[in-house]
C-alpha atoms as a PDB file:
ATOM      1  CA  MET A   1      -1.791 -15.127  26.630  1.00  0.00           C
ATOM      2  CA  PRO A   2      -1.976 -14.525  22.079  1.00  0.00           C
ATOM      3  CA  ARG A   3      -5.474 -14.326  20.308  1.00  0.00           C
ATOM      4  CA  LEU A   4      -6.452 -17.661  19.123  1.00  0.00           C
ATOM      5  CA  CYS A   5      -8.945 -15.894  16.948  1.00  0.00           C
ATOM      6  CA  MET A   6      -7.926 -13.081  13.630  1.00  0.00           C
ATOM      7  CA  THR A   7     -10.024 -10.559  13.173  1.00  0.00           C
ATOM      8  CA  GLU A   8     -11.904  -9.121  10.232  1.00  0.00           C
ATOM      9  CA  ASP A   9      -9.326  -6.540   9.669  1.00  0.00           C
ATOM     10  CA  GLU A  10      -6.598  -8.392  10.392  1.00  0.00           C
ATOM     11  CA  LYS A  11      -7.671 -11.115   7.440  1.00  0.00           C
ATOM     12  CA  TYR A  12      -7.879  -9.055   5.003  1.00  0.00           C
ATOM     13  CA  MET A  13      -4.526  -7.732   5.717  1.00  0.00           C
ATOM     14  CA  LYS A  14      -2.718 -10.554   5.785  1.00  0.00           C
ATOM     15  CA  GLU A  15      -3.828 -10.390   2.226  1.00  0.00           C
ATOM     16  CA  ALA A  16      -2.694  -7.502   1.569  1.00  0.00           C
ATOM     17  CA  MET A  17       0.495  -8.231   3.013  1.00  0.00           C
ATOM     18  CA  LYS A  18       0.726 -11.456   0.388  1.00  0.00           C
ATOM     19  CA  GLN A  19       0.653  -8.416  -2.215  1.00  0.00           C
ATOM     20  CA  ALA A  20       3.356  -6.872  -0.485  1.00  0.00           C
ATOM     21  CA  ARG A  21       5.569  -9.685  -0.201  1.00  0.00           C
ATOM     22  CA  LYS A  22       5.210 -10.028  -4.478  1.00  0.00           C
ATOM     23  CA  ALA A  23       6.296  -6.325  -4.716  1.00  0.00           C
ATOM     24  CA  TYR A  24       9.609  -7.304  -2.270  1.00  0.00           C
ATOM     25  CA  ALA A  25      10.080 -10.205  -4.705  1.00  0.00           C
ATOM     26  CA  LEU A  26      10.585  -7.741  -7.697  1.00  0.00           C
ATOM     27  CA  GLY A  27      12.957  -5.784  -5.622  1.00  0.00           C
ATOM     28  CA  GLU A  28       9.611  -2.808  -5.007  1.00  0.00           C
ATOM     29  CA  VAL A  29       8.894  -1.316  -1.973  1.00  0.00           C
ATOM     30  CA  PRO A  30       6.466  -4.021  -0.316  1.00  0.00           C
ATOM     31  CA  ILE A  31       3.363  -2.134  -0.306  1.00  0.00           C
ATOM     32  CA  GLY A  32       0.315  -3.943  -1.051  1.00  0.00           C
ATOM     33  CA  CYS A  33      -3.668  -3.528  -1.222  1.00  0.00           C
ATOM     34  CA  VAL A  34      -6.606  -5.592  -1.405  1.00  0.00           C
ATOM     35  CA  ILE A  35     -10.313  -4.249  -1.647  1.00  0.00           C
ATOM     36  CA  VAL A  36     -13.394  -6.144  -0.563  1.00  0.00           C
ATOM     37  CA  HIS A  37     -16.490  -6.394  -1.012  1.00  0.00           C
ATOM     38  CA  ASP A  38     -19.249  -8.546   0.444  1.00  0.00           C
ATOM     39  CA  GLY A  39     -16.969 -10.395   2.006  1.00  0.00           C
ATOM     40  CA  ARG A  40     -14.866 -11.165  -1.222  1.00  0.00           C
ATOM     41  CA  ILE A  41     -11.818  -9.793  -2.102  1.00  0.00           C
ATOM     42  CA  ILE A  42     -12.617  -7.591  -5.662  1.00  0.00           C
ATOM     43  CA  GLY A  43      -9.181  -6.278  -6.508  1.00  0.00           C
ATOM     44  CA  ARG A  44      -5.695  -7.134  -5.630  1.00  0.00           C
ATOM     45  CA  GLY A  45      -2.539  -4.782  -6.067  1.00  0.00           C
ATOM     46  CA  TYR A  46       1.442  -4.074  -5.178  1.00  0.00           C
ATOM     47  CA  ASN A  47       3.511  -1.949  -5.778  1.00  0.00           C
ATOM     48  CA  ARG A  48       5.292  -1.711  -9.234  1.00  0.00           C
ATOM     49  CA  ARG A  49       6.245   1.722  -9.937  1.00  0.00           C
ATOM     50  CA  ASN A  50       9.820   0.647 -10.836  1.00  0.00           C
ATOM     51  CA  THR A  51       8.979  -2.697 -12.273  1.00  0.00           C
ATOM     52  CA  ASP A  52       6.990  -0.973 -15.059  1.00  0.00           C
ATOM     53  CA  LYS A  53       8.435   2.147 -15.016  1.00  0.00           C
ATOM     54  CA  ASN A  54       5.240   4.573 -14.307  1.00  0.00           C
ATOM     55  CA  THR A  55       4.768   6.646 -11.755  1.00  0.00           C
ATOM     56  CA  LEU A  56       0.905   5.459 -11.629  1.00  0.00           C
ATOM     57  CA  ALA A  57       1.390   1.915 -10.377  1.00  0.00           C
ATOM     58  CA  HIS A  58       0.767   2.082  -6.842  1.00  0.00           C
ATOM     59  CA  ALA A  59      -0.752  -0.758  -4.683  1.00  0.00           C
ATOM     60  CA  GLU A  60      -3.338   0.835  -4.292  1.00  0.00           C
ATOM     61  CA  ILE A  61      -4.410   2.335  -8.102  1.00  0.00           C
ATOM     62  CA  THR A  62      -4.119  -1.235  -9.286  1.00  0.00           C
ATOM     63  CA  ALA A  63      -6.471  -2.645  -6.654  1.00  0.00           C
ATOM     64  CA  ILE A  64      -9.096   0.025  -7.950  1.00  0.00           C
ATOM     65  CA  ASN A  65      -8.803  -0.119 -11.337  1.00  0.00           C
ATOM     66  CA  LYS A  66      -9.152  -4.310 -10.522  1.00  0.00           C
ATOM     67  CA  ALA A  67     -11.992  -3.542  -8.572  1.00  0.00           C
ATOM     68  CA  SER A  68     -13.913  -1.065 -10.674  1.00  0.00           C
ATOM     69  CA  LYS A  69     -13.876  -3.923 -13.104  1.00  0.00           C
ATOM     70  CA  VAL A  70     -15.357  -6.533 -11.368  1.00  0.00           C
ATOM     71  CA  ILE A  71     -18.012  -3.894  -9.781  1.00  0.00           C
ATOM     72  CA  GLY A  72     -18.709  -2.196 -13.344  1.00  0.00           C
ATOM     73  CA  ASP A  73     -18.543   1.089 -11.855  1.00  0.00           C
ATOM     74  CA  TRP A  74     -16.203   3.557 -10.540  1.00  0.00           C
ATOM     75  CA  ARG A  75     -18.124   4.246  -7.652  1.00  0.00           C
ATOM     76  CA  LEU A  76     -16.831   1.703  -4.817  1.00  0.00           C
ATOM     77  CA  GLU A  77     -18.967   2.501  -2.347  1.00  0.00           C
ATOM     78  CA  GLU A  78     -20.143  -0.719  -0.140  1.00  0.00           C
ATOM     79  CA  CYS A  79     -15.630  -1.842  -0.346  1.00  0.00           C
ATOM     80  CA  THR A  80     -13.267  -1.396   2.148  1.00  0.00           C
ATOM     81  CA  LEU A  81      -9.518  -0.987   0.884  1.00  0.00           C
ATOM     82  CA  TYR A  82      -7.006  -2.518   2.974  1.00  0.00           C
ATOM     83  CA  VAL A  83      -3.145  -1.395   2.555  1.00  0.00           C
ATOM     84  CA  THR A  84       0.584  -1.904   4.233  1.00  0.00           C
ATOM     85  CA  LEU A  85       1.407   1.639   4.285  1.00  0.00           C
ATOM     86  CA  GLU A  86      -0.646   5.248   4.609  1.00  0.00           C
ATOM     87  CA  PRO A  87      -1.232   6.089   1.173  1.00  0.00           C
ATOM     88  CA  CYS A  88       0.311   9.097  -0.430  1.00  0.00           C
ATOM     89  CA  GLN A  89      -1.724  11.765  -2.111  1.00  0.00           C
ATOM     90  CA  MET A  90      -1.943  10.292  -5.663  1.00  0.00           C
ATOM     91  CA  CYS A  91      -3.731   7.573  -3.852  1.00  0.00           C
ATOM     92  CA  ALA A  92      -5.367   8.944  -1.450  1.00  0.00           C
ATOM     93  CA  GLY A  93      -7.356  11.448  -3.775  1.00  0.00           C
ATOM     94  CA  ALA A  94      -8.517   8.039  -6.477  1.00  0.00           C
ATOM     95  CA  ILE A  95      -9.833   6.404  -2.856  1.00  0.00           C
ATOM     96  CA  VAL A  96     -11.677   9.622  -2.629  1.00  0.00           C
ATOM     97  CA  GLN A  97     -12.604   9.698  -5.956  1.00  0.00           C
ATOM     98  CA  ALA A  98     -13.802   5.800  -6.107  1.00  0.00           C
ATOM     99  CA  ARG A  99     -16.107   6.994  -2.834  1.00  0.00           C
ATOM    100  CA  ILE A 100     -14.704   3.672  -0.938  1.00  0.00           C
ATOM    101  CA  PRO A 101     -16.084   4.650   2.522  1.00  0.00           C
ATOM    102  CA  LYS A 102     -13.593   2.971   4.626  1.00  0.00           C
ATOM    103  CA  VAL A 103     -10.000   2.247   4.423  1.00  0.00           C
ATOM    104  CA  VAL A 104      -7.949  -0.125   6.951  1.00  0.00           C
ATOM    105  CA  MET A 105      -3.861   0.605   6.854  1.00  0.00           C
ATOM    106  CA  ALA A 106      -1.292  -1.191   8.668  1.00  0.00           C
ATOM    107  CA  CYS A 107       1.664   1.286   8.824  1.00  0.00           C
ATOM    108  CA  MET A 108       1.351   5.339   8.549  1.00  0.00           C
ATOM    109  CA  ASN A 109       4.195   7.310   6.530  1.00  0.00           C
ATOM    110  CA  PRO A 110       5.750  10.223   8.520  1.00  0.00           C
ATOM    111  CA  LYS A 111       7.645  10.971   4.726  1.00  0.00           C
ATOM    112  CA  ALA A 112       4.438  10.795   2.689  1.00  0.00           C
ATOM    113  CA  GLY A 113       1.687   9.893   4.066  1.00  0.00           C
ATOM    114  CA  CYS A 114      -1.803  11.475   2.990  1.00  0.00           C
ATOM    115  CA  ALA A 115      -4.217   9.675   5.581  1.00  0.00           C
ATOM    116  CA  GLY A 116      -3.038  11.720   8.427  1.00  0.00           C
ATOM    117  CA  SER A 117       0.892  11.760   8.853  1.00  0.00           C
ATOM    118  CA  ILE A 118       1.016  14.927   6.319  1.00  0.00           C
ATOM    119  CA  LEU A 119      -1.982  15.981   5.467  1.00  0.00           C
ATOM    120  CA  ASN A 120      -5.367  14.014   5.493  1.00  0.00           C
ATOM    121  CA  ILE A 121      -7.133  13.965   2.057  1.00  0.00           C
ATOM    122  CA  LEU A 122      -9.503  11.244   3.093  1.00  0.00           C
ATOM    123  CA  ASP A 123     -11.095  13.346   5.768  1.00  0.00           C
ATOM    124  CA  MET A 124     -11.131  16.842   4.094  1.00  0.00           C
ATOM    125  CA  PRO A 125     -14.565  18.195   4.907  1.00  0.00           C
ATOM    126  CA  GLN A 126     -14.136  20.209   1.898  1.00  0.00           C
ATOM    127  CA  PHE A 127     -14.780  17.425  -0.709  1.00  0.00           C
ATOM    128  CA  ASN A 128     -17.859  15.576  -1.279  1.00  0.00           C
ATOM    129  CA  HIS A 129     -16.422  12.263  -0.112  1.00  0.00           C
ATOM    130  CA  GLN A 130     -14.670  11.842   3.465  1.00  0.00           C
ATOM    131  CA  VAL A 131     -13.590   7.982   4.834  1.00  0.00           C
ATOM    132  CA  GLU A 132     -13.867   6.454   7.846  1.00  0.00           C
ATOM    133  CA  MET A 133     -10.294   4.968   8.509  1.00  0.00           C
ATOM    134  CA  THR A 134      -8.883   2.217  10.830  1.00  0.00           C
ATOM    135  CA  LYS A 135      -4.907   2.837  11.371  1.00  0.00           C
ATOM    136  CA  GLY A 136      -2.547   0.179  12.727  1.00  0.00           C
ATOM    137  CA  VAL A 137      -3.657  -3.081  11.903  1.00  0.00           C
ATOM    138  CA  LEU A 138      -0.981  -5.969  11.627  1.00  0.00           C
ATOM    139  CA  GLU A 139       1.875  -2.912  11.819  1.00  0.00           C
ATOM    140  CA  GLU A 140       4.308  -4.609  13.736  1.00  0.00           C
ATOM    141  CA  GLU A 141       4.576  -7.034  11.138  1.00  0.00           C
ATOM    142  CA  CYS A 142       4.082  -4.858   7.617  1.00  0.00           C
ATOM    143  CA  SER A 143       6.571  -1.997   9.483  1.00  0.00           C
ATOM    144  CA  ARG A 144       9.250  -5.190   9.821  1.00  0.00           C
ATOM    145  CA  MET A 145       8.976  -5.558   6.447  1.00  0.00           C
ATOM    146  CA  LEU A 146       9.546  -2.357   4.950  1.00  0.00           C
ATOM    147  CA  LYS A 147      12.234  -1.881   7.304  1.00  0.00           C
ATOM    148  CA  GLU A 148      14.035  -5.012   5.732  1.00  0.00           C
ATOM    149  CA  PHE A 149      13.602  -3.936   2.905  1.00  0.00           C
ATOM    150  CA  PHE A 150      14.979  -0.595   3.243  1.00  0.00           C
ATOM    151  CA  VAL A 151      17.991  -2.095   5.207  1.00  0.00           C
ATOM    152  CA  GLU A 152      18.755  -4.382   2.319  1.00  0.00           C
ATOM    153  CA  LEU A 153      18.221  -1.714  -0.461  1.00  0.00           C
ATOM    154  CA  ARG A 154      20.843   0.262   1.550  1.00  0.00           C
ATOM    155  CA  ALA A 155      23.406  -2.743   1.578  1.00  0.00           C
ATOM    156  CA  ARG A 156      22.720  -3.429  -2.240  1.00  0.00           C
ATOM    157  CA  ASN A 157      23.073   0.243  -3.140  1.00  0.00           C
ATOM    158  CA  LYS A 158      26.640   0.391  -1.262  1.00  0.00           C
ATOM    159  CA  MET A 159      28.562  -2.551  -2.757  1.00  0.00           C
ATOM    160  CA  GLU A 160      26.681  -1.193  -6.180  1.00  0.00           C
ATOM    161  CA  LYS A 161      28.342   1.557  -5.422  1.00  0.00           C
ATOM    162  CA  GLU A 162      32.258  -0.024  -3.983  1.00  0.00           C
ATOM    163  CA  ALA A 163      31.536  -1.576  -7.465  1.00  0.00           C
ATOM    164  CA  ALA A 164      32.024   0.736  -9.179  1.00  0.00           C
ATOM    165  CA  LYS A 165      33.838   2.561  -8.109  1.00  0.00           C
ATOM    166  CA  LEU A 166      36.633  -0.554  -8.150  1.00  0.00           C
ATOM    167  CA  GLU A 167      35.654  -0.399 -11.760  1.00  0.00           C
ATOM    168  CA  GLN A 168      36.436   3.015 -12.386  1.00  0.00           C
ATOM    169  CA  GLN A 169      39.998   2.973 -10.868  1.00  0.00           C
ATOM    170  CA  GLU A 170      40.507  -0.169 -13.187  1.00  0.00           C
ATOM    171  CA  THR A 171      39.908   2.017 -16.093  1.00  0.00           C
END
């Protein structure tokens, strides 16, 4: 029997998924993030690395920047960050630096994740701040979106290679 009510984590992960869809529409890897403080979204972000030609244009970094402006401080000590894909080393480090106490993730990232997959920057006792984590919230939907994106990307890349080959043969 299907559940009728959505948890708070699911509600905000759906908002992060809206951000991920914005990235998808730009042809970017669909990763989205929201930061919540006192039941209100104060920061939103989505992957824009290729669009902005900027290594730092990750969903989490954008959302942290926006949330910090709203709070008026670099410390986001009473916030929860929701992200559709496990943070990379840069984003995990920024989360620790921002003193965010809780991160809710949809999918793990076995190739580049630094919240448990490759290493866990969010829970290193050597740092002065550790982050509580919840994993797997709306994992299936987020995973499906990522898989669809990469299937389309591979098909697009294949078509571009074939077109370049044909063009080369014509010259």
